[in-house]
Protein backbone atom coordinates (compact mmCIF):
# COMPACT_ATOMS: atom_id res chain seq x y z
CA UNK A 1 -19.79 -11.42 10.29
CA UNK A 2 -16.64 -12.34 12.20
CA UNK A 3 -13.73 -10.47 10.62
CA UNK A 4 -11.10 -11.33 13.25
CA UNK A 5 -8.37 -13.75 12.21
CA UNK A 6 -5.66 -15.17 14.45
CA UNK A 7 -2.55 -13.71 12.85
CA UNK A 8 -0.87 -12.56 9.66
CA UNK A 9 -0.37 -16.08 8.33
CA UNK A 10 -4.11 -16.77 8.51
CA UNK A 11 -4.93 -13.35 7.07
CA UNK A 12 -2.85 -13.91 3.90
CA UNK A 13 -3.55 -17.63 3.53
CA UNK A 14 -5.25 -17.31 0.13
CA UNK A 15 -2.81 -14.88 -1.47
CA UNK A 16 -1.31 -16.85 -4.35
CA UNK A 17 1.29 -16.42 -7.09
CA UNK A 18 0.62 -13.71 -9.65
CA UNK A 19 -1.77 -11.60 -7.58
CA UNK A 20 -1.81 -7.80 -7.32
CA UNK A 21 -1.38 -6.37 -3.82
CA UNK A 22 -1.73 -2.87 -2.42
CA UNK A 23 0.57 -2.30 0.55
CA UNK A 24 -0.07 0.73 2.75
CA UNK A 25 2.50 3.03 4.27
CA UNK A 26 4.75 5.92 3.35
CA UNK A 27 8.44 5.20 3.52
CA UNK A 28 8.55 2.84 6.50
CA UNK A 29 5.78 4.69 8.34
CA UNK A 30 2.60 2.67 8.77
CA UNK A 31 3.65 -0.33 6.71
CA UNK A 32 1.97 -3.71 7.40
CA UNK A 33 5.09 -5.28 8.91
CA UNK A 34 3.44 -8.51 10.09
CA UNK A 35 1.76 -9.26 6.76
CA UNK A 36 4.91 -8.56 4.77
CA UNK A 37 6.82 -11.01 6.99
CA UNK A 38 4.04 -13.58 6.46
CA UNK A 39 4.25 -13.13 2.68
CA UNK A 40 8.01 -13.72 2.85
CA UNK A 41 7.47 -16.88 4.87
CA UNK A 42 4.83 -18.12 2.45
CA UNK A 43 7.08 -17.50 -0.53
CA UNK A 44 4.42 -16.43 -3.04
CA UNK A 45 5.94 -15.29 -6.34
CA UNK A 46 5.27 -13.10 -9.38
CA UNK A 47 3.45 -10.47 -7.36
CA UNK A 48 2.53 -7.01 -8.58
CA UNK A 49 2.93 -4.66 -5.62
CA UNK A 50 1.35 -1.21 -5.47
CA UNK A 51 3.06 0.89 -2.82
CA UNK A 52 4.30 4.43 -2.47
CA UNK A 53 7.81 3.04 -2.09
CA UNK A 54 9.65 -0.28 -2.03
CA UNK A 55 10.93 -0.33 1.54
CA UNK A 56 14.66 -0.58 2.26
CA UNK A 57 17.04 -3.43 1.58
CA UNK A 58 16.40 -5.31 4.83
CA UNK A 59 12.90 -4.20 5.78
CA UNK A 60 9.42 -3.82 4.35
CA UNK A 61 8.90 -4.74 0.69
CA UNK A 62 12.69 -4.90 0.42
CA UNK A 63 12.49 -8.31 2.10
CA UNK A 64 10.19 -9.54 -0.67
CA UNK A 65 12.48 -8.15 -3.35
CA UNK A 66 15.43 -10.07 -1.91
CA UNK A 67 13.37 -13.27 -2.17
CA UNK A 68 12.50 -12.48 -5.82
CA UNK A 69 8.79 -12.48 -4.96
CA UNK A 70 7.91 -9.27 -6.80
CA UNK A 71 7.44 -9.30 -10.57
CA UNK A 72 6.33 -5.67 -10.89
CA UNK A 73 6.44 -2.60 -8.63
CA UNK A 74 4.02 0.29 -9.10
CA UNK A 75 5.47 3.06 -6.99
CA UNK A 76 6.21 6.73 -6.65
CA UNK A 77 9.51 6.83 -4.73
CA UNK A 78 12.06 4.02 -4.54
CA UNK A 79 15.33 5.78 -3.80
CA UNK A 80 16.24 4.00 -0.55
CA UNK A 81 16.49 0.44 -1.89
CA UNK A 82 19.70 -0.71 -3.59
CA UNK A 83 18.32 -4.17 -4.42
CA UNK A 84 15.35 -2.54 -6.12
CA UNK A 85 17.74 -0.43 -8.18
CA UNK A 86 19.82 -3.46 -9.12
CA UNK A 87 16.80 -5.52 -10.20
CA UNK A 88 15.31 -2.63 -12.17
CA UNK A 89 18.53 -1.80 -14.04
CA UNK A 90 19.21 -5.47 -14.80
CA UNK A 91 15.71 -5.97 -16.20
CA UNK A 92 14.71 -8.49 -13.52
CA UNK A 93 11.95 -6.26 -12.17
CA UNK A 94 9.23 -4.47 -14.10
CA UNK A 95 8.69 -0.97 -12.72
CA UNK A 96 5.95 1.60 -13.23
CA UNK A 97 6.93 4.90 -11.64
CA UNK A 98 4.03 7.35 -11.39
CA UNK A 99 3.54 10.75 -9.75
CA UNK A 100 2.60 10.47 -6.10
CA UNK A 101 -0.66 12.34 -6.51
CA UNK A 102 -1.63 10.07 -9.40
CA UNK A 103 -0.83 7.02 -7.27
CA UNK A 104 -3.07 8.35 -4.51
CA UNK A 105 -5.91 9.17 -6.89
CA UNK A 106 -5.75 5.78 -8.62
CA UNK A 107 -6.23 4.22 -5.18
CA UNK A 108 -9.05 6.60 -4.27
CA UNK A 109 -10.79 6.09 -7.60
CA UNK A 110 -10.75 2.33 -7.11
CA UNK A 111 -12.38 2.71 -3.72
CA UNK A 112 -15.00 5.09 -5.11
CA UNK A 113 -15.88 2.88 -8.08
CA UNK A 114 -14.52 5.37 -10.62
CA UNK A 115 -12.87 3.46 -13.50
CA UNK A 116 -10.68 6.31 -14.80
CA UNK A 117 -9.97 10.02 -14.41
CA UNK A 118 -8.01 12.84 -16.07
CA UNK A 119 -5.02 14.57 -14.51
CA UNK A 120 -2.43 17.08 -15.74
CA UNK A 121 0.38 15.33 -13.83
CA UNK A 122 2.88 13.78 -16.20
CA UNK A 123 1.81 15.56 -19.40
CA UNK A 124 4.82 16.01 -21.68
CA UNK A 125 6.94 13.42 -19.83
CA UNK A 126 7.61 9.68 -20.07
CA UNK A 127 4.62 9.19 -17.79
CA UNK A 128 2.35 10.15 -20.70
CA UNK A 129 3.67 7.58 -23.16
CA UNK A 130 0.89 5.42 -24.59
CA UNK A 131 -1.86 7.14 -22.61
CA UNK A 132 -4.96 8.86 -23.87
CA UNK A 133 -4.98 12.64 -23.57
CA UNK A 134 -7.81 15.14 -23.67
CA UNK A 135 -7.98 18.91 -23.58
CA UNK A 136 -10.19 20.67 -21.04
CA UNK A 137 -10.38 24.47 -21.10
CA UNK A 138 -7.25 24.64 -23.21
CA UNK A 139 -5.16 22.41 -20.93
CA UNK A 140 -3.98 18.86 -21.70
CA UNK A 141 -4.78 16.04 -19.30
CA UNK A 142 -3.82 12.35 -19.16
CA UNK A 143 -6.33 9.59 -18.60
CA UNK A 144 -5.32 7.31 -15.73
CA UNK A 145 -7.09 4.10 -14.73
CA UNK A 146 -8.12 3.14 -11.23
CA UNK A 147 -6.12 0.29 -9.74
CA UNK A 148 -7.49 -3.24 -9.79
CA UNK A 149 -5.96 -5.02 -6.78
CA UNK A 150 -6.80 -8.47 -5.46
CA UNK A 151 -5.85 -7.50 -1.90
CA UNK A 152 -5.20 -4.31 0.02
CA UNK A 153 -3.00 -4.81 3.09
CA UNK A 154 -2.89 -1.95 5.60
CA UNK A 155 -1.70 -1.22 9.11
CA UNK A 156 -3.72 0.84 11.61
CA UNK A 157 -3.31 2.00 15.18
CA UNK A 158 -6.69 0.84 16.47
CA UNK A 159 -9.40 -1.36 15.04
CA UNK A 160 -12.49 -3.16 16.26
CA UNK A 161 -14.16 -6.48 15.57
CA UNK A 162 -16.25 -4.91 12.80
CA UNK A 163 -13.12 -3.71 10.97
CA UNK A 164 -13.44 0.01 11.76
CA UNK A 165 -9.98 1.58 11.69
CA UNK A 166 -8.18 4.54 13.26
CA UNK A 167 -4.72 5.55 12.07
CA UNK A 168 -2.19 7.41 14.20
CA UNK A 169 -0.66 10.66 12.99
CA UNK A 170 1.44 10.27 9.80
CA UNK A 171 0.59 6.57 9.48
CA UNK A 172 -2.63 7.95 8.03
CA UNK A 173 -0.92 8.21 4.67
CA UNK A 174 -1.77 5.79 1.84
CA UNK A 175 -3.42 3.38 4.27
CA UNK A 176 -7.01 4.77 4.31
CA UNK A 177 -7.39 5.07 0.54
CA UNK A 178 -5.85 1.64 -0.05
CA UNK A 179 -8.11 0.10 2.59
CA UNK A 180 -11.09 1.21 0.50
CA UNK A 181 -9.67 -0.04 -2.80
CA UNK A 182 -8.88 -3.75 -2.54
CA UNK A 183 -11.27 -6.55 -3.43
CA UNK A 184 -10.29 -7.99 -0.04
CA UNK A 185 -8.78 -5.71 2.60
CA UNK A 186 -6.61 -7.05 5.41
CA UNK A 187 -5.90 -4.76 8.36
CA UNK A 188 -3.30 -5.41 11.02
CA UNK A 189 -3.68 -3.21 14.09
CA UNK A 190 -1.74 -2.38 17.22
CA UNK A 191 -4.89 -2.44 19.36
CA UNK A 192 -7.86 -4.69 18.57
CA UNK A 193 -10.97 -3.68 20.51
CA UNK A 194 -14.52 -4.98 20.87
CA UNK A 195 -17.16 -3.65 18.50
CA UNK A 196 -18.60 -0.38 19.78
CA UNK A 197 -15.40 0.66 21.56
CA UNK A 198 -14.34 3.29 19.04
CA UNK A 199 -15.82 6.77 18.88
CA UNK A 200 -17.63 6.92 15.51
CA UNK A 201 -16.39 10.49 15.04
CA UNK A 202 -12.78 9.31 15.14
CA UNK A 203 -13.01 6.42 12.68
CA UNK A 204 -10.97 6.96 9.50
CA UNK A 205 -12.04 3.85 7.57
CA UNK A 206 -15.48 2.27 8.15
CA UNK A 207 -15.51 -1.46 8.69
CA UNK A 208 -17.56 -2.07 5.54
CA UNK A 209 -14.29 -1.82 3.57
CA UNK A 210 -12.38 -4.33 5.73
CA UNK A 211 -12.80 -8.10 5.43
CA UNK A 212 -10.07 -9.34 7.81
CA UNK A 213 -8.47 -7.85 10.91
CA UNK A 214 -5.95 -9.07 13.47
CA UNK A 215 -3.78 -7.75 16.27
CA UNK A 216 -0.20 -7.38 15.12
CA UNK A 217 2.89 -7.67 17.28
CA UNK A 218 6.57 -6.75 17.58
CA UNK A 219 6.39 -3.61 15.46
CA UNK A 220 9.82 -2.12 14.76
CA UNK A 221 8.50 1.14 13.25
CA UNK A 222 11.81 1.93 11.61
CA UNK A 223 12.79 5.31 10.18
CA UNK A 224 14.36 5.37 6.70
CA UNK A 225 16.77 8.21 7.35
CA UNK A 226 17.26 9.50 10.88
CA UNK A 227 18.55 13.08 10.64
CA UNK A 228 19.45 14.96 13.79
CA UNK A 229 20.89 18.39 14.42
CA UNK A 230 24.25 18.65 16.13
CA UNK A 231 24.12 20.01 19.65
CA UNK A 232 25.27 23.60 19.85
């Protein structure tokens, strides 16, 4: 099976209005920059986006928010995006804020075929509203459902023609678990290598989870907040 596509535009060609997308990354680290730009160019609307955060105003998912492409954000941290804040407070954007560990486990459960699980995170808070609870060994837990995403879009350091992926350092954040969780997974990579080039012991996501792969380009790899110490 040939999984290689030419570029981001070809990779996202069948993403249409109203779909649910998982977008890998943590902050601006390891986000699928090329695919996000392609989604902006395509102009698809009414998307539900599952991502740890919502980018910044002029980069990442923030670009999609400015184009009013996102109907709902399911996220854990969104504090760096003023347009996100404006849309949320004005009622233009539906938002589901969930604990970061719960976000990660809902991704992992989807990849593992587990429909739901129980967690203590969020008990006694707004997170618990409307959710089933159960007591185990005297402690209350919430039931959380695995995500159901049409596409997972991730960014890796290296990949091969079979879709095997290796992530570099902290870019190995939400990317691996999201790559396993989408009905269709798209991977953009910095280095695209022939099948058999990667050491099997170093592969983070097996190619069986990836349906499309392409070599990305012009990565900015921005940092949300650059903090440096004054010279003494």
